[in-house]
Amino acid sequence: MIIKDDKEKAIVDAATRLFLDKGFASTSTTEIAKEAGCNQALVHYYFRTKERLFEAVFAGKFEAFASSILEISQEDLSFEEKLRLKIESHFDMLHENPKLPMLIAYELNTNPKRLDSMKEKLGNLPAKVFANFQEELDKEIALGNIRPIKIIDLIYSMLALNISIFIIGPIMKSFVGLTDDMYENLIANRRKENVDMLLNSLRP
């Protein structure tokens, strides 16, 4: 997603906060404009519709995550070290946007057509992430360093483990009565545990 100027960035930032807090349906362009410090006409000037603004927010989040994974390709790192960084990068992205998984799951389930629109906007970026990852994985399998596994299964496991704490965590925090510090310690521990579980699961 290319941001053209500061005002457009302010609108995207405001929309991101409101969409994550209230969801797509409960957020109006009037609220977004007020949060961004501009008028509603300017929101429509940049994005035309609330739908397009939501897609820009979603695409921006995915691009940030995908880019962080693609950039982890230093030749001097082992596959295990690179995989560790990929898992941690995904976890950290979720930590910065803990409400994002629920928003995406809700919006894509209630409006399946949005998935097609997202795929069109993201182009070949998801395929590029998978292809690069698959190539490295296949080399390690051929060398006997890890057990045979499909890339989709590895990514699914990573997503499931990393996302779960940000869905279940707030419930646990409330029911168990965790303080903010205790909750952050729980998250930090899950980050380490998720990495260890995924790496151990790949060993032959």
Protein backbone atom coordinates (compact mmCIF):
# COMPACT_ATOMS: atom_id res chain seq x y z
CA MET A 1 0.00 0.00 0.00
CA ILE A 2 1.51 3.33 -1.09
CA ILE A 3 0.76 6.30 1.16
CA LYS A 4 0.88 9.54 -0.82
CA ASP A 5 0.95 12.13 1.93
CA ASP A 6 0.57 12.76 5.67
CA LYS A 7 -3.19 13.32 5.52
CA GLU A 8 -3.76 10.01 3.77
CA LYS A 9 -1.60 8.31 6.41
CA ALA A 10 -3.63 9.99 9.16
CA ILE A 11 -6.83 8.63 7.62
CA VAL A 12 -5.42 5.09 7.33
CA ASP A 13 -4.10 5.20 10.91
CA ALA A 14 -7.44 6.46 12.23
CA ALA A 15 -9.37 3.85 10.25
CA THR A 16 -7.05 1.10 11.51
CA ARG A 17 -7.69 2.04 15.15
CA LEU A 18 -11.46 2.24 14.69
CA PHE A 19 -11.81 -0.90 12.58
CA LEU A 20 -9.83 -2.89 15.15
CA ASP A 21 -11.83 -1.48 18.06
CA LYS A 22 -15.33 -1.54 16.55
CA GLY A 23 -15.24 -3.65 13.40
CA PHE A 24 -16.12 -2.64 9.85
CA ALA A 25 -19.90 -2.39 10.15
CA SER A 26 -19.89 -0.28 13.34
CA THR A 27 -17.35 2.25 12.06
CA SER A 28 -18.50 5.20 9.95
CA THR A 29 -16.48 7.41 7.63
CA THR A 30 -17.67 10.34 9.76
CA GLU A 31 -15.93 8.81 12.79
CA ILE A 32 -12.82 8.09 10.76
CA ALA A 33 -12.67 11.68 9.53
CA LYS A 34 -13.08 13.02 13.06
CA GLU A 35 -10.37 10.68 14.38
CA ALA A 36 -8.05 11.72 11.54
CA GLY A 37 -8.70 15.43 12.05
CA CYS A 38 -10.20 16.07 8.62
CA ASN A 39 -13.61 16.25 6.97
CA GLN A 40 -15.56 13.34 5.53
CA ALA A 41 -15.12 14.61 1.97
CA LEU A 42 -11.36 14.11 2.25
CA VAL A 43 -11.83 10.48 3.29
CA HIS A 44 -13.96 9.91 0.20
CA TYR A 45 -11.47 11.78 -1.96
CA TYR A 46 -8.66 9.37 -1.05
CA PHE A 47 -10.61 6.11 -0.79
CA ARG A 48 -14.06 6.65 -2.38
CA THR A 49 -15.77 4.13 -0.09
CA LYS A 50 -15.39 2.70 3.40
CA GLU A 51 -14.96 -0.72 1.76
CA ARG A 52 -11.88 0.45 -0.14
CA LEU A 53 -10.45 2.03 3.00
CA PHE A 54 -10.91 -1.22 4.91
CA GLU A 55 -9.18 -3.14 2.13
CA ALA A 56 -6.29 -0.67 2.21
CA VAL A 57 -5.90 -1.20 5.96
CA PHE A 58 -6.03 -5.00 5.61
CA ALA A 59 -3.61 -5.03 2.68
CA GLY A 60 -1.21 -2.78 4.57
CA LYS A 61 -1.15 -5.13 7.54
CA PHE A 62 -0.54 -8.17 5.37
CA GLU A 63 2.19 -6.42 3.37
CA ALA A 64 3.99 -5.45 6.58
CA PHE A 65 3.88 -9.03 7.81
CA ALA A 66 4.85 -10.57 4.46
CA SER A 67 7.71 -8.12 4.00
CA SER A 68 9.13 -8.91 7.42
CA ILE A 69 9.17 -12.60 6.50
CA LEU A 70 10.66 -12.08 3.04
CA GLU A 71 13.43 -9.92 4.43
CA ILE A 72 14.60 -12.75 6.69
CA SER A 73 16.79 -14.45 4.12
CA GLN A 74 20.37 -13.82 5.21
CA GLU A 75 22.59 -16.47 3.67
CA ASP A 76 24.72 -16.73 6.81
CA LEU A 77 21.76 -17.96 8.88
CA SER A 78 20.75 -21.59 9.14
CA PHE A 79 17.23 -22.66 8.14
CA GLU A 80 16.34 -23.11 11.81
CA GLU A 81 17.56 -19.60 12.66
CA LYS A 82 15.61 -18.09 9.78
CA LEU A 83 12.48 -20.04 10.71
CA ARG A 84 12.82 -18.87 14.31
CA LEU A 85 12.94 -15.28 13.11
CA LYS A 86 9.91 -15.80 10.86
CA ILE A 87 7.86 -17.22 13.73
CA GLU A 88 8.93 -14.42 16.05
CA SER A 89 8.24 -11.80 13.38
CA HIS A 90 4.68 -13.07 12.94
CA PHE A 91 4.15 -13.21 16.71
CA ASP A 92 5.46 -9.66 17.17
CA MET A 93 3.21 -8.37 14.40
CA LEU A 94 0.22 -9.89 16.21
CA HIS A 95 1.42 -8.49 19.54
CA GLU A 96 1.36 -5.02 17.98
CA ASN A 97 -2.11 -5.72 16.48
CA PRO A 98 -3.79 -8.13 18.94
CA LYS A 99 -7.32 -7.44 17.67
CA LEU A 100 -6.42 -8.08 14.03
CA PRO A 101 -7.09 -11.87 13.94
CA MET A 102 -10.65 -11.48 15.26
CA LEU A 103 -11.38 -8.63 12.85
CA ILE A 104 -10.10 -10.57 9.82
CA ALA A 105 -11.92 -13.79 10.82
CA TYR A 106 -15.20 -11.96 11.39
CA GLU A 107 -15.07 -9.84 8.24
CA LEU A 108 -14.05 -12.67 5.90
CA ASN A 109 -16.72 -14.97 7.33
CA THR A 110 -19.51 -12.42 7.13
CA ASN A 111 -18.46 -11.11 3.72
CA PRO A 112 -16.74 -13.92 1.75
CA LYS A 113 -16.53 -11.75 -1.39
CA ARG A 114 -14.04 -9.57 0.44
CA LEU A 115 -11.52 -12.41 0.25
CA ASP A 116 -11.53 -12.21 -3.56
CA SER A 117 -11.01 -8.47 -3.37
CA MET A 118 -8.11 -8.93 -0.95
CA LYS A 119 -6.49 -11.52 -3.20
CA GLU A 120 -6.69 -9.14 -6.13
CA LYS A 121 -5.21 -6.26 -4.15
CA LEU A 122 -2.33 -8.34 -2.74
CA GLY A 123 -1.46 -9.80 -6.14
CA ASN A 124 1.35 -12.37 -6.07
CA LEU A 125 2.68 -11.39 -2.63
CA PRO A 126 1.19 -14.39 -0.76
CA ALA A 127 2.43 -16.76 -3.48
CA LYS A 128 5.90 -15.23 -3.23
CA VAL A 129 5.97 -15.80 0.52
CA PHE A 130 4.94 -19.44 0.08
CA ALA A 131 7.35 -20.09 -2.81
CA ASN A 132 10.42 -18.72 -0.99
CA PHE A 133 9.52 -20.61 2.16
CA GLN A 134 8.84 -23.84 0.25
CA GLU A 135 12.21 -23.74 -1.52
CA GLU A 136 14.11 -23.47 1.75
CA LEU A 137 11.95 -26.17 3.33
CA ASP A 138 12.51 -28.62 0.47
CA LYS A 139 16.29 -28.23 0.73
CA GLU A 140 16.24 -29.07 4.43
CA ILE A 141 14.01 -32.10 3.85
CA ALA A 142 16.35 -33.35 1.10
CA LEU A 143 19.32 -33.00 3.46
CA GLY A 144 17.49 -34.99 6.14
CA ASN A 145 17.61 -32.10 8.61
CA ILE A 146 13.84 -32.01 9.08
CA ARG A 147 11.02 -34.48 8.57
CA PRO A 148 8.91 -34.32 5.39
CA ILE A 149 6.19 -31.70 5.79
CA LYS A 150 4.14 -29.53 3.47
CA ILE A 151 4.59 -25.79 3.66
CA ILE A 152 0.86 -25.26 4.17
CA ASP A 153 0.96 -27.47 7.28
CA LEU A 154 3.92 -25.60 8.74
CA ILE A 155 2.35 -22.19 8.13
CA TYR A 156 -1.00 -23.39 9.50
CA SER A 157 0.69 -24.55 12.69
CA MET A 158 2.52 -21.24 13.04
CA LEU A 159 -0.66 -19.23 12.54
CA ALA A 160 -2.68 -21.38 14.94
CA LEU A 161 -0.10 -21.24 17.73
CA ASN A 162 0.67 -17.55 17.43
CA ILE A 163 -2.90 -16.34 16.99
CA SER A 164 -4.39 -18.39 19.85
CA ILE A 165 -2.80 -16.38 22.67
CA PHE A 166 -4.26 -13.13 21.36
CA ILE A 167 -7.75 -14.64 21.19
CA ILE A 168 -7.71 -16.65 24.41
CA GLY A 169 -5.28 -14.44 26.36
CA PRO A 170 -7.65 -11.55 27.13
CA ILE A 171 -10.27 -14.05 28.38
CA MET A 172 -7.71 -15.71 30.65
CA LYS A 173 -6.52 -12.33 31.87
CA SER A 174 -10.05 -11.42 32.94
CA PHE A 175 -11.07 -14.76 34.46
CA VAL A 176 -7.78 -15.49 36.23
CA GLY A 177 -7.28 -11.88 37.26
CA LEU A 178 -3.86 -11.35 35.70
CA THR A 179 -2.22 -7.96 36.09
CA ASP A 180 -0.86 -6.20 33.00
CA ASP A 181 2.67 -7.28 33.92
CA MET A 182 1.59 -10.88 34.45
CA TYR A 183 -0.19 -10.86 31.10
CA GLU A 184 2.86 -9.49 29.28
CA ASN A 185 4.98 -12.21 30.92
CA LEU A 186 2.47 -14.79 29.68
CA ILE A 187 2.76 -13.42 26.14
CA ALA A 188 6.56 -13.41 26.27
CA ASN A 189 6.54 -17.01 27.48
CA ARG A 190 4.14 -18.07 24.71
CA ARG A 191 6.43 -16.47 22.12
CA LYS A 192 9.31 -18.67 23.28
CA GLU A 193 7.16 -21.79 23.70
CA ASN A 194 5.65 -21.44 20.22
CA VAL A 195 9.09 -21.23 18.62
CA ASP A 196 10.35 -24.25 20.56
CA MET A 197 7.26 -26.35 19.77
CA LEU A 198 7.38 -25.62 16.06
CA LEU A 199 11.13 -26.25 15.75
CA ASN A 200 10.92 -29.47 17.77
CA SER A 201 7.99 -30.69 15.65
CA LEU A 202 10.17 -30.52 12.52
CA ARG A 203 13.02 -32.67 13.77
CA PRO A 204 13.25 -36.10 12.07
